[in-house]
Amino acid sequence: MRYEIKIYHRGRLSLYEQGWVLAEDLPCHPLLLQRLADIGAIELRRGLLSQSDAAKVEKILRLRRSLGVNLSGAVIIAELMDRLDDMEAEMDRQGREREF
């Protein structure tokens, strides 16, 4: 027998609970967000970003401040850092599988 679990909410979920962030809540100019969307670094939908894209924007801004690189350079560095994180997680997973 198969059961289906349904979760009901009394009120509407906030945008944050749904995984979205208002672009105006980020500490940058809206044109910068539009430029990031134009080059494919983030997905901007009607003034909303996913939480992961909001984190990416904050990482890009931090790279620009700390390293003094331009926007394109910061985007590339952020993407490479994400790839390294993914590769390290995969290597850790494979290492754990070998232990068994």
Protein backbone atom coordinates (compact mmCIF):
# COMPACT_ATOMS: atom_id res chain seq x y z
CA MET A 1 0.00 0.00 0.00
CA ARG A 2 1.29 3.44 -0.87
CA TYR A 3 0.66 6.53 1.21
CA GLU A 4 0.94 10.13 0.15
CA ILE A 5 1.92 12.81 2.61
CA LYS A 6 0.45 16.23 2.07
CA ILE A 7 1.56 19.26 4.03
CA TYR A 8 -0.88 22.10 4.37
CA HIS A 9 0.04 25.63 5.38
CA ARG A 10 -2.42 27.96 7.00
CA GLY A 11 -0.95 31.03 5.39
CA ARG A 12 1.11 31.80 2.36
CA LEU A 13 4.78 30.96 2.51
CA SER A 14 7.10 33.91 2.50
CA LEU A 15 9.37 34.36 -0.49
CA TYR A 16 12.33 33.38 1.69
CA GLU A 17 10.61 30.15 2.72
CA GLN A 18 10.03 29.42 -0.95
CA GLY A 19 13.74 29.89 -1.66
CA TRP A 20 13.66 33.40 -3.17
CA VAL A 21 15.29 36.70 -2.22
CA LEU A 22 14.19 40.17 -3.29
CA ALA A 23 16.84 41.81 -5.44
CA GLU A 24 16.33 45.09 -3.60
CA ASP A 25 17.44 43.41 -0.35
CA LEU A 26 20.94 42.82 -1.73
CA PRO A 27 23.66 45.41 -1.07
CA CYS A 28 24.22 46.36 -4.71
CA HIS A 29 22.78 48.46 -7.48
CA PRO A 30 19.99 46.88 -9.58
CA LEU A 31 22.00 47.52 -12.76
CA LEU A 32 24.80 45.34 -11.41
CA LEU A 33 22.31 42.51 -10.89
CA GLN A 34 21.03 43.02 -14.42
CA ARG A 35 24.59 42.84 -15.79
CA LEU A 36 25.17 39.60 -13.88
CA ALA A 37 21.93 38.21 -15.32
CA ASP A 38 22.92 39.35 -18.83
CA ILE A 39 26.23 37.43 -18.69
CA GLY A 40 24.47 34.35 -17.27
CA ALA A 41 25.98 34.43 -13.79
CA ILE A 42 22.58 34.59 -12.08
CA GLU A 43 18.94 34.18 -12.98
CA LEU A 44 16.86 37.25 -12.21
CA ARG A 45 13.08 36.85 -12.37
CA ARG A 46 10.89 39.89 -11.82
CA GLY A 47 13.19 41.29 -9.19
CA LEU A 48 13.69 37.92 -7.46
CA LEU A 49 16.76 35.70 -7.16
CA SER A 50 17.16 32.22 -5.78
CA GLN A 51 18.94 32.00 -2.44
CA SER A 52 21.90 30.31 -4.14
CA ASP A 53 22.15 33.16 -6.67
CA ALA A 54 21.96 35.70 -3.85
CA ALA A 55 24.87 33.91 -2.15
CA LYS A 56 26.75 33.96 -5.45
CA VAL A 57 26.20 37.73 -5.78
CA GLU A 58 27.55 38.28 -2.28
CA LYS A 59 30.60 36.13 -3.10
CA ILE A 60 31.20 38.11 -6.31
CA LEU A 61 30.95 41.42 -4.44
CA ARG A 62 33.36 40.14 -1.77
CA LEU A 63 35.86 39.05 -4.45
CA ARG A 64 35.66 42.45 -6.15
CA ARG A 65 36.31 44.25 -2.85
CA SER A 66 39.06 41.99 -1.53
CA LEU A 67 40.96 41.27 -4.76
CA GLY A 68 40.11 44.35 -6.77
CA VAL A 69 39.16 42.33 -9.86
CA ASN A 70 36.57 43.46 -12.37
CA LEU A 71 33.08 41.97 -12.57
CA SER A 72 33.92 39.34 -15.19
CA GLY A 73 36.98 38.24 -13.26
CA ALA A 74 35.01 37.94 -10.04
CA VAL A 75 32.35 35.83 -11.80
CA ILE A 76 34.99 33.49 -13.21
CA ILE A 77 36.73 33.14 -9.84
CA ALA A 78 33.41 32.44 -8.10
CA GLU A 79 32.54 29.75 -10.66
CA LEU A 80 35.96 28.13 -10.28
CA MET A 81 35.61 28.16 -6.50
CA ASP A 82 32.22 26.44 -6.83
CA ARG A 83 33.73 23.80 -9.13
CA LEU A 84 36.53 23.17 -6.65
CA ASP A 85 34.01 22.76 -3.84
CA ASP A 86 32.04 20.27 -5.96
CA MET A 87 35.20 18.32 -6.82
CA GLU A 88 36.29 18.18 -3.17
CA ALA A 89 32.84 16.93 -2.13
CA GLU A 90 32.97 14.26 -4.83
CA MET A 91 36.45 13.16 -3.75
CA ASP A 92 35.30 12.97 -0.12
CA ARG A 93 32.28 10.90 -1.17
CA GLN A 94 34.44 8.52 -3.18
CA GLY A 95 36.88 8.23 -0.27
CA ARG A 96 34.08 7.26 2.08
CA GLU A 97 32.79 4.67 -0.38
CA ARG A 98 36.25 3.05 -0.58
CA GLU A 99 36.41 2.73 3.18
CA PHE A 100 33.45 0.36 3.20
